[in-house]
Full PDB file with SEQRES, HELIX, SHEET, SSBOND, CRYST1, ORIGX, SCALE, CONECT and MASTER records, all heavy atoms in Angstrom:
SEQRES   1 A   43  PHE PRO GLU ALA LYS PRO GLU ASP LEU LEU SER THR VAL          
SEQRES   2 A   43  MET VAL PRO ASP LEU ALA PRO GLN GLN PRO GLY ASP ALA          
SEQRES   3 A   43  VAL MET ASP ARG ALA SER ARG ILE ALA GLY VAL ALA LYS          
SEQRES   4 A   43  THR VAL LEU ALA                                              
HELIX    1 AA1 PRO A    6  ASP A    8  5                                   3    
HELIX    2 AA2 LEU A    9  MET A   14  1                                   6    
HELIX    3 AA3 ASP A   25  ALA A   35  1                                  11    
HELIX    4 AA4 VAL A   37  LEU A   42  1                                   6    
CRYST1    1.000    1.000    1.000  90.00  90.00  90.00 P 1           1          
ORIGX1      1.000000  0.000000  0.000000        0.00000                         
ORIGX2      0.000000  1.000000  0.000000        0.00000                         
ORIGX3      0.000000  0.000000  1.000000        0.00000                         
SCALE1      1.000000  0.000000  0.000000        0.00000                         
SCALE2      0.000000  1.000000  0.000000        0.00000                         
SCALE3      0.000000  0.000000  1.000000        0.00000                         
ATOM      1  N   PHE A   1       0.866  -1.184   0.000  1.00  0.00           N  
ATOM      2  CA  PHE A   1       0.000   0.000   0.000  1.00  0.00           C  
ATOM      3  C   PHE A   1       0.908   1.241   0.000  1.00  0.00           C  
ATOM      4  O   PHE A   1       1.250   1.769   1.066  1.00  0.00           O  
ATOM      5  CB  PHE A   1      -0.904   0.008   1.232  1.00  0.00           C  
ATOM      6  CG  PHE A   1      -1.737  -1.235   1.392  1.00  0.00           C  
ATOM      7  CD1 PHE A   1      -1.295  -2.282   2.198  1.00  0.00           C  
ATOM      8  CD2 PHE A   1      -2.949  -1.377   0.734  1.00  0.00           C  
ATOM      9  CE1 PHE A   1      -2.050  -3.429   2.354  1.00  0.00           C  
ATOM     10  CE2 PHE A   1      -3.701  -2.515   0.882  1.00  0.00           C  
ATOM     11  CZ  PHE A   1      -3.257  -3.551   1.690  1.00  0.00           C  
ATOM     12  N   PRO A   2       1.336   1.699  -1.177  1.00  0.00           N  
ATOM     13  CA  PRO A   2       2.320   2.783  -1.275  1.00  0.00           C  
ATOM     14  C   PRO A   2       1.946   4.051  -0.521  1.00  0.00           C  
ATOM     15  O   PRO A   2       2.826   4.803  -0.098  1.00  0.00           O  
ATOM     16  CB  PRO A   2       2.404   3.041  -2.786  1.00  0.00           C  
ATOM     17  CG  PRO A   2       2.005   1.741  -3.410  1.00  0.00           C  
ATOM     18  CD  PRO A   2       0.962   1.173  -2.499  1.00  0.00           C  
ATOM     19  N   GLU A   3       0.655   4.296  -0.345  1.00  0.00           N  
ATOM     20  CA  GLU A   3       0.230   5.527   0.313  1.00  0.00           C  
ATOM     21  C   GLU A   3       0.200   5.397   1.833  1.00  0.00           C  
ATOM     22  O   GLU A   3      -0.066   6.367   2.553  1.00  0.00           O  
ATOM     23  CB  GLU A   3      -1.170   5.933  -0.179  1.00  0.00           C  
ATOM     24  CG  GLU A   3      -1.266   6.136  -1.694  1.00  0.00           C  
ATOM     25  CD  GLU A   3      -0.320   7.219  -2.185  1.00  0.00           C  
ATOM     26  OE1 GLU A   3      -0.186   8.238  -1.481  1.00  0.00           O  
ATOM     27  OE2 GLU A   3       0.282   7.036  -3.252  1.00  0.00           O  
ATOM     28  N   ALA A   4       0.473   4.184   2.355  1.00  0.00           N  
ATOM     29  CA  ALA A   4       0.369   3.956   3.798  1.00  0.00           C  
ATOM     30  C   ALA A   4       1.430   4.746   4.557  1.00  0.00           C  
ATOM     31  O   ALA A   4       2.563   4.897   4.104  1.00  0.00           O  
ATOM     32  CB  ALA A   4       0.500   2.472   4.101  1.00  0.00           C  
ATOM     33  N   LYS A   5       1.058   5.216   5.742  1.00  0.00           N  
ATOM     34  CA  LYS A   5       1.982   5.944   6.616  1.00  0.00           C  
ATOM     35  C   LYS A   5       2.118   5.181   7.931  1.00  0.00           C  
ATOM     36  O   LYS A   5       1.172   4.505   8.359  1.00  0.00           O  
ATOM     37  CB  LYS A   5       1.453   7.355   6.879  1.00  0.00           C  
ATOM     38  CG  LYS A   5       1.308   8.203   5.615  1.00  0.00           C  
ATOM     39  CD  LYS A   5       0.726   9.567   5.935  1.00  0.00           C  
ATOM     40  CE  LYS A   5       0.560  10.395   4.658  1.00  0.00           C  
ATOM     41  NZ  LYS A   5      -0.056  11.718   4.948  1.00  0.00           N  
ATOM     42  N   PRO A   6       3.270   5.269   8.594  1.00  0.00           N  
ATOM     43  CA  PRO A   6       3.460   4.529   9.853  1.00  0.00           C  
ATOM     44  C   PRO A   6       2.362   4.787  10.874  1.00  0.00           C  
ATOM     45  O   PRO A   6       1.912   3.868  11.558  1.00  0.00           O  
ATOM     46  CB  PRO A   6       4.819   5.048  10.343  1.00  0.00           C  
ATOM     47  CG  PRO A   6       5.545   5.430   9.090  1.00  0.00           C  
ATOM     48  CD  PRO A   6       4.487   5.984   8.186  1.00  0.00           C  
ATOM     49  N   GLU A   7       1.913   6.043  10.970  1.00  0.00           N  
ATOM     50  CA  GLU A   7       0.889   6.357  11.973  1.00  0.00           C  
ATOM     51  C   GLU A   7      -0.483   5.782  11.603  1.00  0.00           C  
ATOM     52  O   GLU A   7      -1.400   5.775  12.429  1.00  0.00           O  
ATOM     53  CB  GLU A   7       0.787   7.875  12.179  1.00  0.00           C  
ATOM     54  CG  GLU A   7       0.437   8.665  10.925  1.00  0.00           C  
ATOM     55  CD  GLU A   7       1.674   9.170  10.199  1.00  0.00           C  
ATOM     56  OE1 GLU A   7       2.744   8.536  10.328  1.00  0.00           O  
ATOM     57  OE2 GLU A   7       1.572  10.202   9.523  1.00  0.00           O  
ATOM     58  N   ASP A   8      -0.633   5.294  10.371  1.00  0.00           N  
ATOM     59  CA  ASP A   8      -1.904   4.703   9.931  1.00  0.00           C  
ATOM     60  C   ASP A   8      -1.804   3.181   9.805  1.00  0.00           C  
ATOM     61  O   ASP A   8      -2.579   2.551   9.087  1.00  0.00           O  
ATOM     62  CB  ASP A   8      -2.317   5.290   8.568  1.00  0.00           C  
ATOM     63  CG  ASP A   8      -2.576   6.783   8.638  1.00  0.00           C  
ATOM     64  OD1 ASP A   8      -3.024   7.244   9.698  1.00  0.00           O  
ATOM     65  OD2 ASP A   8      -2.322   7.472   7.632  1.00  0.00           O  
ATOM     66  N   LEU A   9      -0.842   2.566  10.487  1.00  0.00           N  
ATOM     67  CA  LEU A   9      -0.584   1.138  10.309  1.00  0.00           C  
ATOM     68  C   LEU A   9      -1.814   0.286  10.598  1.00  0.00           C  
ATOM     69  O   LEU A   9      -2.122  -0.650   9.853  1.00  0.00           O  
ATOM     70  CB  LEU A   9       0.580   0.696  11.207  1.00  0.00           C  
ATOM     71  CG  LEU A   9       0.922  -0.793  11.146  1.00  0.00           C  
ATOM     72  CD1 LEU A   9       1.341  -1.197   9.738  1.00  0.00           C  
ATOM     73  CD2 LEU A   9       2.016  -1.140  12.155  1.00  0.00           C  
ATOM     74  N   LEU A  10      -2.549   0.588  11.668  1.00  0.00           N  
ATOM     75  CA  LEU A  10      -3.686  -0.250  12.036  1.00  0.00           C  
ATOM     76  C   LEU A  10      -4.733  -0.297  10.929  1.00  0.00           C  
ATOM     77  O   LEU A  10      -5.211  -1.374  10.555  1.00  0.00           O  
ATOM     78  CB  LEU A  10      -4.323   0.247  13.342  1.00  0.00           C  
ATOM     79  CG  LEU A  10      -5.519  -0.582  13.842  1.00  0.00           C  
ATOM     80  CD1 LEU A  10      -5.091  -2.015  14.118  1.00  0.00           C  
ATOM     81  CD2 LEU A  10      -6.118   0.048  15.091  1.00  0.00           C  
ATOM     82  N   SER A  11      -5.098   0.863  10.393  1.00  0.00           N  
ATOM     83  CA  SER A  11      -6.109   0.880   9.336  1.00  0.00           C  
ATOM     84  C   SER A  11      -5.588   0.195   8.077  1.00  0.00           C  
ATOM     85  O   SER A  11      -6.351  -0.418   7.329  1.00  0.00           O  
ATOM     86  CB  SER A  11      -6.523   2.320   9.019  1.00  0.00           C  
ATOM     87  OG  SER A  11      -5.399   3.091   8.610  1.00  0.00           O  
ATOM     88  N   THR A  12      -4.271   0.251   7.843  1.00  0.00           N  
ATOM     89  CA  THR A  12      -3.691  -0.431   6.679  1.00  0.00           C  
ATOM     90  C   THR A  12      -3.789  -1.939   6.840  1.00  0.00           C  
ATOM     91  O   THR A  12      -4.141  -2.659   5.901  1.00  0.00           O  
ATOM     92  CB  THR A  12      -2.217  -0.027   6.502  1.00  0.00           C  
ATOM     93  OG1 THR A  12      -2.141   1.388   6.350  1.00  0.00           O  
ATOM     94  CG2 THR A  12      -1.618  -0.700   5.274  1.00  0.00           C  
ATOM     95  N   VAL A  13      -3.483  -2.429   8.039  1.00  0.00           N  
ATOM     96  CA  VAL A  13      -3.547  -3.870   8.299  1.00  0.00           C  
ATOM     97  C   VAL A  13      -4.973  -4.381   8.194  1.00  0.00           C  
ATOM     98  O   VAL A  13      -5.230  -5.467   7.650  1.00  0.00           O  
ATOM     99  CB  VAL A  13      -2.982  -4.190   9.704  1.00  0.00           C  
ATOM    100  CG1 VAL A  13      -3.229  -5.662  10.055  1.00  0.00           C  
ATOM    101  CG2 VAL A  13      -1.500  -3.879   9.765  1.00  0.00           C  
ATOM    102  N   MET A  14      -5.923  -3.617   8.673  1.00  0.00           N  
ATOM    103  CA  MET A  14      -7.303  -4.093   8.778  1.00  0.00           C  
ATOM    104  C   MET A  14      -8.152  -3.808   7.550  1.00  0.00           C  
ATOM    105  O   MET A  14      -9.326  -4.184   7.515  1.00  0.00           O  
ATOM    106  CB  MET A  14      -7.978  -3.458  10.004  1.00  0.00           C  
ATOM    107  CG  MET A  14      -7.262  -3.746  11.318  1.00  0.00           C  
ATOM    108  SD  MET A  14      -7.039  -5.514  11.624  1.00  0.00           S  
ATOM    109  CE  MET A  14      -8.717  -5.973  12.037  1.00  0.00           C  
ATOM    110  N   VAL A  15      -7.576  -3.175   6.517  1.00  0.00           N  
ATOM    111  CA  VAL A  15      -8.380  -2.879   5.330  1.00  0.00           C  
ATOM    112  C   VAL A  15      -8.898  -4.183   4.731  1.00  0.00           C  
ATOM    113  O   VAL A  15      -8.150  -5.138   4.554  1.00  0.00           O  
ATOM    114  CB  VAL A  15      -7.563  -2.089   4.289  1.00  0.00           C  
ATOM    115  CG1 VAL A  15      -6.384  -2.881   3.771  1.00  0.00           C  
ATOM    116  CG2 VAL A  15      -8.443  -1.672   3.116  1.00  0.00           C  
ATOM    117  N   PRO A  16     -10.201  -4.285   4.464  1.00  0.00           N  
ATOM    118  CA  PRO A  16     -10.738  -5.533   3.897  1.00  0.00           C  
ATOM    119  C   PRO A  16     -10.468  -5.615   2.407  1.00  0.00           C  
ATOM    120  O   PRO A  16     -10.072  -4.632   1.774  1.00  0.00           O  
ATOM    121  CB  PRO A  16     -12.244  -5.413   4.163  1.00  0.00           C  
ATOM    122  CG  PRO A  16     -12.495  -3.936   4.139  1.00  0.00           C  
ATOM    123  CD  PRO A  16     -11.263  -3.294   4.720  1.00  0.00           C  
ATOM    124  N   ASP A  17     -10.679  -6.807   1.848  1.00  0.00           N  
ATOM    125  CA  ASP A  17     -10.587  -6.969   0.403  1.00  0.00           C  
ATOM    126  C   ASP A  17     -11.681  -6.149  -0.264  1.00  0.00           C  
ATOM    127  O   ASP A  17     -12.762  -5.948   0.296  1.00  0.00           O  
ATOM    128  CB  ASP A  17     -10.757  -8.440   0.011  1.00  0.00           C  
ATOM    129  CG  ASP A  17      -9.420  -9.050  -0.395  1.00  0.00           C  
ATOM    130  OD1 ASP A  17      -8.391  -8.503   0.032  1.00  0.00           O  
ATOM    131  OD2 ASP A  17      -9.426 -10.053  -1.109  1.00  0.00           O  
ATOM    132  N   LEU A  18     -11.414  -5.712  -1.490  1.00  0.00           N  
ATOM    133  CA  LEU A  18     -12.393  -4.893  -2.200  1.00  0.00           C  
ATOM    134  C   LEU A  18     -13.599  -5.699  -2.649  1.00  0.00           C  
ATOM    135  O   LEU A  18     -14.703  -5.202  -2.699  1.00  0.00           O  
ATOM    136  CB  LEU A  18     -11.731  -4.241  -3.422  1.00  0.00           C  
ATOM    137  CG  LEU A  18     -10.629  -3.231  -3.088  1.00  0.00           C  
ATOM    138  CD1 LEU A  18      -9.996  -2.711  -4.372  1.00  0.00           C  
ATOM    139  CD2 LEU A  18     -11.187  -2.089  -2.256  1.00  0.00           C  
ATOM    140  N   ALA A  19     -13.402  -6.964  -2.996  1.00  0.00           N  
ATOM    141  CA  ALA A  19     -14.503  -7.778  -3.535  1.00  0.00           C  
ATOM    142  C   ALA A  19     -14.429  -9.199  -2.997  1.00  0.00           C  
ATOM    143  O   ALA A  19     -14.070 -10.125  -3.711  1.00  0.00           O  
ATOM    144  CB  ALA A  19     -14.461  -7.786  -5.052  1.00  0.00           C  
ATOM    145  N   PRO A  20     -14.785  -9.411  -1.717  1.00  0.00           N  
ATOM    146  CA  PRO A  20     -14.779 -10.777  -1.187  1.00  0.00           C  
ATOM    147  C   PRO A  20     -15.756 -11.651  -1.930  1.00  0.00           C  
ATOM    148  O   PRO A  20     -16.860 -11.230  -2.268  1.00  0.00           O  
ATOM    149  CB  PRO A  20     -15.195 -10.582   0.282  1.00  0.00           C  
ATOM    150  CG  PRO A  20     -15.881  -9.257   0.329  1.00  0.00           C  
ATOM    151  CD  PRO A  20     -15.234  -8.423  -0.723  1.00  0.00           C  
ATOM    152  N   GLN A  21     -15.361 -12.894  -2.214  1.00  0.00           N  
ATOM    153  CA  GLN A  21     -16.177 -13.799  -3.015  1.00  0.00           C  
ATOM    154  C   GLN A  21     -17.086 -14.692  -2.187  1.00  0.00           C  
ATOM    155  O   GLN A  21     -18.100 -15.169  -2.664  1.00  0.00           O  
ATOM    156  CB  GLN A  21     -15.258 -14.681  -3.875  1.00  0.00           C  
ATOM    157  CG  GLN A  21     -14.392 -13.887  -4.842  1.00  0.00           C  
ATOM    158  CD  GLN A  21     -15.221 -13.129  -5.852  1.00  0.00           C  
ATOM    159  OE1 GLN A  21     -16.096 -13.697  -6.511  1.00  0.00           O  
ATOM    160  NE2 GLN A  21     -14.980 -11.842  -5.959  1.00  0.00           N  
ATOM    161  N   GLN A  22     -16.695 -14.966  -0.937  1.00  0.00           N  
ATOM    162  CA  GLN A  22     -17.460 -15.868  -0.095  1.00  0.00           C  
ATOM    163  C   GLN A  22     -17.625 -15.247   1.278  1.00  0.00           C  
ATOM    164  O   GLN A  22     -16.826 -14.405   1.698  1.00  0.00           O  
ATOM    165  CB  GLN A  22     -16.736 -17.224   0.054  1.00  0.00           C  
ATOM    166  CG  GLN A  22     -16.507 -17.959  -1.254  1.00  0.00           C  
ATOM    167  CD  GLN A  22     -17.787 -18.561  -1.793  1.00  0.00           C  
ATOM    168  OE1 GLN A  22     -18.757 -18.778  -1.071  1.00  0.00           O  
ATOM    169  NE2 GLN A  22     -17.808 -18.841  -3.087  1.00  0.00           N  
ATOM    170  N   PRO A  23     -18.655 -15.653   2.038  1.00  0.00           N  
ATOM    171  CA  PRO A  23     -18.788 -15.163   3.403  1.00  0.00           C  
ATOM    172  C   PRO A  23     -17.505 -15.448   4.175  1.00  0.00           C  
ATOM    173  O   PRO A  23     -16.987 -16.558   4.170  1.00  0.00           O  
ATOM    174  CB  PRO A  23     -19.974 -15.976   3.944  1.00  0.00           C  
ATOM    175  CG  PRO A  23     -20.756 -16.345   2.729  1.00  0.00           C  
ATOM    176  CD  PRO A  23     -19.740 -16.564   1.647  1.00  0.00           C  
ATOM    177  N   GLY A  24     -16.976 -14.416   4.851  1.00  0.00           N  
ATOM    178  CA  GLY A  24     -15.771 -14.605   5.645  1.00  0.00           C  
ATOM    179  C   GLY A  24     -14.482 -14.364   4.897  1.00  0.00           C  
ATOM    180  O   GLY A  24     -13.410 -14.376   5.489  1.00  0.00           O  
ATOM    181  N   ASP A  25     -14.553 -14.133   3.596  1.00  0.00           N  
ATOM    182  CA  ASP A  25     -13.329 -13.959   2.814  1.00  0.00           C  
ATOM    183  C   ASP A  25     -12.499 -12.780   3.318  1.00  0.00           C  
ATOM    184  O   ASP A  25     -11.285 -12.876   3.425  1.00  0.00           O  
ATOM    185  CB  ASP A  25     -13.659 -13.722   1.338  1.00  0.00           C  
ATOM    186  CG  ASP A  25     -13.731 -15.032   0.567  1.00  0.00           C  
ATOM    187  OD1 ASP A  25     -13.654 -16.080   1.217  1.00  0.00           O  
ATOM    188  OD2 ASP A  25     -13.865 -14.992  -0.663  1.00  0.00           O  
ATOM    189  N   ALA A  26     -13.152 -11.669   3.634  1.00  0.00           N  
ATOM    190  CA  ALA A  26     -12.399 -10.502   4.069  1.00  0.00           C  
ATOM    191  C   ALA A  26     -11.639 -10.802   5.348  1.00  0.00           C  
ATOM    192  O   ALA A  26     -10.494 -10.401   5.533  1.00  0.00           O  
ATOM    193  CB  ALA A  26     -13.341  -9.307   4.273  1.00  0.00           C  
ATOM    194  N   VAL A  27     -12.256 -11.552   6.273  1.00  0.00           N  
ATOM    195  CA  VAL A  27     -11.607 -11.901   7.530  1.00  0.00           C  
ATOM    196  C   VAL A  27     -10.412 -12.804   7.260  1.00  0.00           C  
ATOM    197  O   VAL A  27      -9.315 -12.610   7.764  1.00  0.00           O  
ATOM    198  CB  VAL A  27     -12.602 -12.595   8.479  1.00  0.00           C  
ATOM    199  CG1 VAL A  27     -11.886 -13.107   9.714  1.00  0.00           C  
ATOM    200  CG2 VAL A  27     -13.707 -11.627   8.879  1.00  0.00           C  
ATOM    201  N   MET A  28     -10.586 -13.825   6.423  1.00  0.00           N  
ATOM    202  CA  MET A  28      -9.494 -14.743   6.131  1.00  0.00           C  
ATOM    203  C   MET A  28      -8.365 -14.021   5.393  1.00  0.00           C  
ATOM    204  O   MET A  28      -7.192 -14.273   5.662  1.00  0.00           O  
ATOM    205  CB  MET A  28     -10.000 -15.906   5.300  1.00  0.00           C  
ATOM    206  CG  MET A  28     -10.911 -16.850   6.064  1.00  0.00           C  
ATOM    207  SD  MET A  28     -10.155 -17.495   7.558  1.00  0.00           S  
ATOM    208  CE  MET A  28      -8.809 -18.441   6.865  1.00  0.00           C  
ATOM    209  N   ASP A  29      -8.690 -13.125   4.500  1.00  0.00           N  
ATOM    210  CA  ASP A  29      -7.656 -12.401   3.786  1.00  0.00           C  
ATOM    211  C   ASP A  29      -6.881 -11.502   4.738  1.00  0.00           C  
ATOM    212  O   ASP A  29      -5.687 -11.302   4.592  1.00  0.00           O  
ATOM    213  CB  ASP A  29      -8.272 -11.585   2.654  1.00  0.00           C  
ATOM    214  CG  ASP A  29      -8.710 -12.473   1.495  1.00  0.00           C  
ATOM    215  OD1 ASP A  29      -8.185 -13.582   1.388  1.00  0.00           O  
ATOM    216  OD2 ASP A  29      -9.579 -12.045   0.727  1.00  0.00           O  
ATOM    217  N   ARG A  30      -7.574 -10.936   5.709  1.00  0.00           N  
ATOM    218  CA  ARG A  30      -6.909 -10.112   6.711  1.00  0.00           C  
ATOM    219  C   ARG A  30      -5.982 -10.983   7.555  1.00  0.00           C  
ATOM    220  O   ARG A  30      -4.860 -10.585   7.892  1.00  0.00           O  
ATOM    221  CB  ARG A  30      -7.947  -9.426   7.594  1.00  0.00           C  
ATOM    222  CG  ARG A  30      -7.405  -8.273   8.417  1.00  0.00           C  
ATOM    223  CD  ARG A  30      -8.514  -7.625   9.219  1.00  0.00           C  
ATOM    224  NE  ARG A  30      -9.514  -7.032   8.351  1.00  0.00           N  
ATOM    225  CZ  ARG A  30     -10.831  -7.241   8.475  1.00  0.00           C  
ATOM    226  NH1 ARG A  30     -11.292  -8.049   9.399  1.00  0.00           N  
ATOM    227  NH2 ARG A  30     -11.667  -6.655   7.654  1.00  0.00           N  
ATOM    228  N   ALA A  31      -6.432 -12.198   7.877  1.00  0.00           N  
ATOM    229  CA  ALA A  31      -5.591 -13.118   8.632  1.00  0.00           C  
ATOM    230  C   ALA A  31      -4.339 -13.466   7.831  1.00  0.00           C  
ATOM    231  O   ALA A  31      -3.228 -13.521   8.375  1.00  0.00           O  
ATOM    232  CB  ALA A  31      -6.374 -14.383   8.980  1.00  0.00           C  
ATOM    233  N   SER A  32      -4.499 -13.697   6.535  1.00  0.00           N  
ATOM    234  CA  SER A  32      -3.344 -14.001   5.686  1.00  0.00           C  
ATOM    235  C   SER A  32      -2.406 -12.805   5.609  1.00  0.00           C  
ATOM    236  O   SER A  32      -1.184 -12.958   5.554  1.00  0.00           O  
ATOM    237  CB  SER A  32      -3.816 -14.385   4.281  1.00  0.00           C  
ATOM    238  OG  SER A  32      -4.621 -15.539   4.319  1.00  0.00           O  
ATOM    239  N   ARG A  33      -2.990 -11.599   5.596  1.00  0.00           N  
ATOM    240  CA  ARG A  33      -2.167 -10.393   5.551  1.00  0.00           C  
ATOM    241  C   ARG A  33      -1.308 -10.275   6.812  1.00  0.00           C  
ATOM    242  O   ARG A  33      -0.123  -9.926   6.746  1.00  0.00           O  
ATOM    243  CB  ARG A  33      -3.081  -9.173   5.411  1.00  0.00           C  
ATOM    244  CG  ARG A  33      -2.363  -7.885   5.061  1.00  0.00           C  
ATOM    245  CD  ARG A  33      -3.349  -6.743   4.907  1.00  0.00           C  
ATOM    246  NE  ARG A  33      -4.315  -7.045   3.865  1.00  0.00           N  
ATOM    247  CZ  ARG A  33      -5.624  -6.841   3.966  1.00  0.00           C  
ATOM    248  NH1 ARG A  33      -6.121  -6.332   5.073  1.00  0.00           N  
ATOM    249  NH2 ARG A  33      -6.427  -7.126   2.982  1.00  0.00           N  
ATOM    250  N   ILE A  34      -1.911 -10.600   7.947  1.00  0.00           N  
ATOM    251  CA  ILE A  34      -1.159 -10.561   9.205  1.00  0.00           C  
ATOM    252  C   ILE A  34      -0.098 -11.664   9.214  1.00  0.00           C  
ATOM    253  O   ILE A  34       1.045 -11.447   9.624  1.00  0.00           O  
ATOM    254  CB  ILE A  34      -2.118 -10.700  10.402  1.00  0.00           C  
ATOM    255  CG1 ILE A  34      -3.006  -9.452  10.497  1.00  0.00           C  
ATOM    256  CG2 ILE A  34      -1.352 -10.901  11.707  1.00  0.00           C  
ATOM    257  CD1 ILE A  34      -4.132  -9.557  11.512  1.00  0.00           C  
ATOM    258  N   ALA A  35      -0.477 -12.858   8.756  1.00  0.00           N  
ATOM    259  CA  ALA A  35       0.481 -13.963   8.714  1.00  0.00           C  
ATOM    260  C   ALA A  35       1.658 -13.645   7.806  1.00  0.00           C  
ATOM    261  O   ALA A  35       2.775 -14.124   8.027  1.00  0.00           O  
ATOM    262  CB  ALA A  35      -0.210 -15.240   8.246  1.00  0.00           C  
ATOM    263  N   GLY A  36       1.433 -12.836   6.782  1.00  0.00           N  
ATOM    264  CA  GLY A  36       2.508 -12.483   5.865  1.00  0.00           C  
ATOM    265  C   GLY A  36       3.637 -11.715   6.521  1.00  0.00           C  
ATOM    266  O   GLY A  36       4.767 -11.691   6.015  1.00  0.00           O  
ATOM    267  N   VAL A  37       3.361 -11.098   7.675  1.00  0.00           N  
ATOM    268  CA  VAL A  37       4.394 -10.356   8.403  1.00  0.00           C  
ATOM    269  C   VAL A  37       5.460 -11.306   8.946  1.00  0.00           C  
ATOM    270  O   VAL A  37       6.609 -10.919   9.162  1.00  0.00           O  
ATOM    271  CB  VAL A  37       3.748  -9.546   9.547  1.00  0.00           C  
ATOM    272  CG1 VAL A  37       4.797  -8.847  10.398  1.00  0.00           C  
ATOM    273  CG2 VAL A  37       2.770  -8.522   8.972  1.00  0.00           C  
ATOM    274  N   ALA A  38       5.098 -12.590   9.147  1.00  0.00           N  
ATOM    275  CA  ALA A  38       6.040 -13.558   9.716  1.00  0.00           C  
ATOM    276  C   ALA A  38       7.301 -13.671   8.868  1.00  0.00           C  
ATOM    277  O   ALA A  38       8.402 -13.892   9.397  1.00  0.00           O  
ATOM    278  CB  ALA A  38       5.367 -14.924   9.852  1.00  0.00           C  
ATOM    279  N   LYS A  39       7.176 -13.528   7.550  1.00  0.00           N  
ATOM    280  CA  LYS A  39       8.359 -13.614   6.684  1.00  0.00           C  
ATOM    281  C   LYS A  39       9.363 -12.515   7.029  1.00  0.00           C  
ATOM    282  O   LYS A  39      10.576 -12.741   7.023  1.00  0.00           O  
ATOM    283  CB  LYS A  39       7.939 -13.504   5.217  1.00  0.00           C  
ATOM    284  CG  LYS A  39       7.147 -14.686   4.699  1.00  0.00           C  
ATOM    285  CD  LYS A  39       6.817 -14.509   3.230  1.00  0.00           C  
ATOM    286  CE  LYS A  39       6.028 -15.700   2.703  1.00  0.00           C  
ATOM    287  NZ  LYS A  39       5.671 -15.543   1.265  1.00  0.00           N  
ATOM    288  N   THR A  40       8.859 -11.322   7.319  1.00  0.00           N  
ATOM    289  CA  THR A  40       9.734 -10.214   7.702  1.00  0.00           C  
ATOM    290  C   THR A  40      10.433 -10.519   9.014  1.00  0.00           C  
ATOM    291  O   THR A  40      11.628 -10.247   9.180  1.00  0.00           O  
ATOM    292  CB  THR A  40       8.917  -8.914   7.823  1.00  0.00           C  
ATOM    293  OG1 THR A  40       8.315  -8.615   6.562  1.00  0.00           O  
ATOM    294  CG2 THR A  40       9.782  -7.748   8.251  1.00  0.00           C  
ATOM    295  N   VAL A  41       9.685 -11.111   9.959  1.00  0.00           N  
ATOM    296  CA  VAL A  41      10.266 -11.441  11.264  1.00  0.00           C  
ATOM    297  C   VAL A  41      11.340 -12.509  11.105  1.00  0.00           C  
ATOM    298  O   VAL A  41      12.448 -12.397  11.657  1.00  0.00           O  
ATOM    299  CB  VAL A  41       9.166 -11.919  12.235  1.00  0.00           C  
ATOM    300  CG1 VAL A  41       9.763 -12.237  13.606  1.00  0.00           C  
ATOM    301  CG2 VAL A  41       8.069 -10.861  12.374  1.00  0.00           C  
ATOM    302  N   LEU A  42      11.030 -13.564  10.345  1.00  0.00           N  
ATOM    303  CA  LEU A  42      11.995 -14.651  10.159  1.00  0.00           C  
ATOM    304  C   LEU A  42      13.251 -14.161   9.450  1.00  0.00           C  
ATOM    305  O   LEU A  42      14.360 -14.643   9.716  1.00  0.00           O  
ATOM    306  CB  LEU A  42      11.356 -15.788   9.355  1.00  0.00           C  
ATOM    307  CG  LEU A  42      10.252 -16.576  10.074  1.00  0.00           C  
ATOM    308  CD1 LEU A  42       9.565 -17.529   9.102  1.00  0.00           C  
ATOM    309  CD2 LEU A  42      10.828 -17.358  11.248  1.00  0.00           C  
ATOM    310  N   ALA A  43      13.086 -13.218   8.529  1.00  0.00           N  
ATOM    311  CA  ALA A  43      14.239 -12.694   7.793  1.00  0.00           C  
ATOM    312  C   ALA A  43      15.204 -11.957   8.715  1.00  0.00           C  
ATOM    313  O   ALA A  43      16.397 -11.833   8.404  1.00  0.00           O  
ATOM    314  CB  ALA A  43      13.773 -11.763   6.677  1.00  0.00           C  
TER     315      ALA A  43                                                      
MASTER        0    0    0    4    0    0    0    6  314    1    0    4          
END                                                                             
C-alpha cells in the first residue's frame, strides 16, 4: 500500500478486500495479511 503511513498502520492492516467472493473472505484475507508479516520477522 504505497500511500500507507506509519501512523496509519492499524487501518492499513485491517483494510478488507475490495470484492470478497465468499462469506468470511475478508476476515481470512486479513488473517493471511497478518500472517505475511512472519516472513519479515523470520528474515
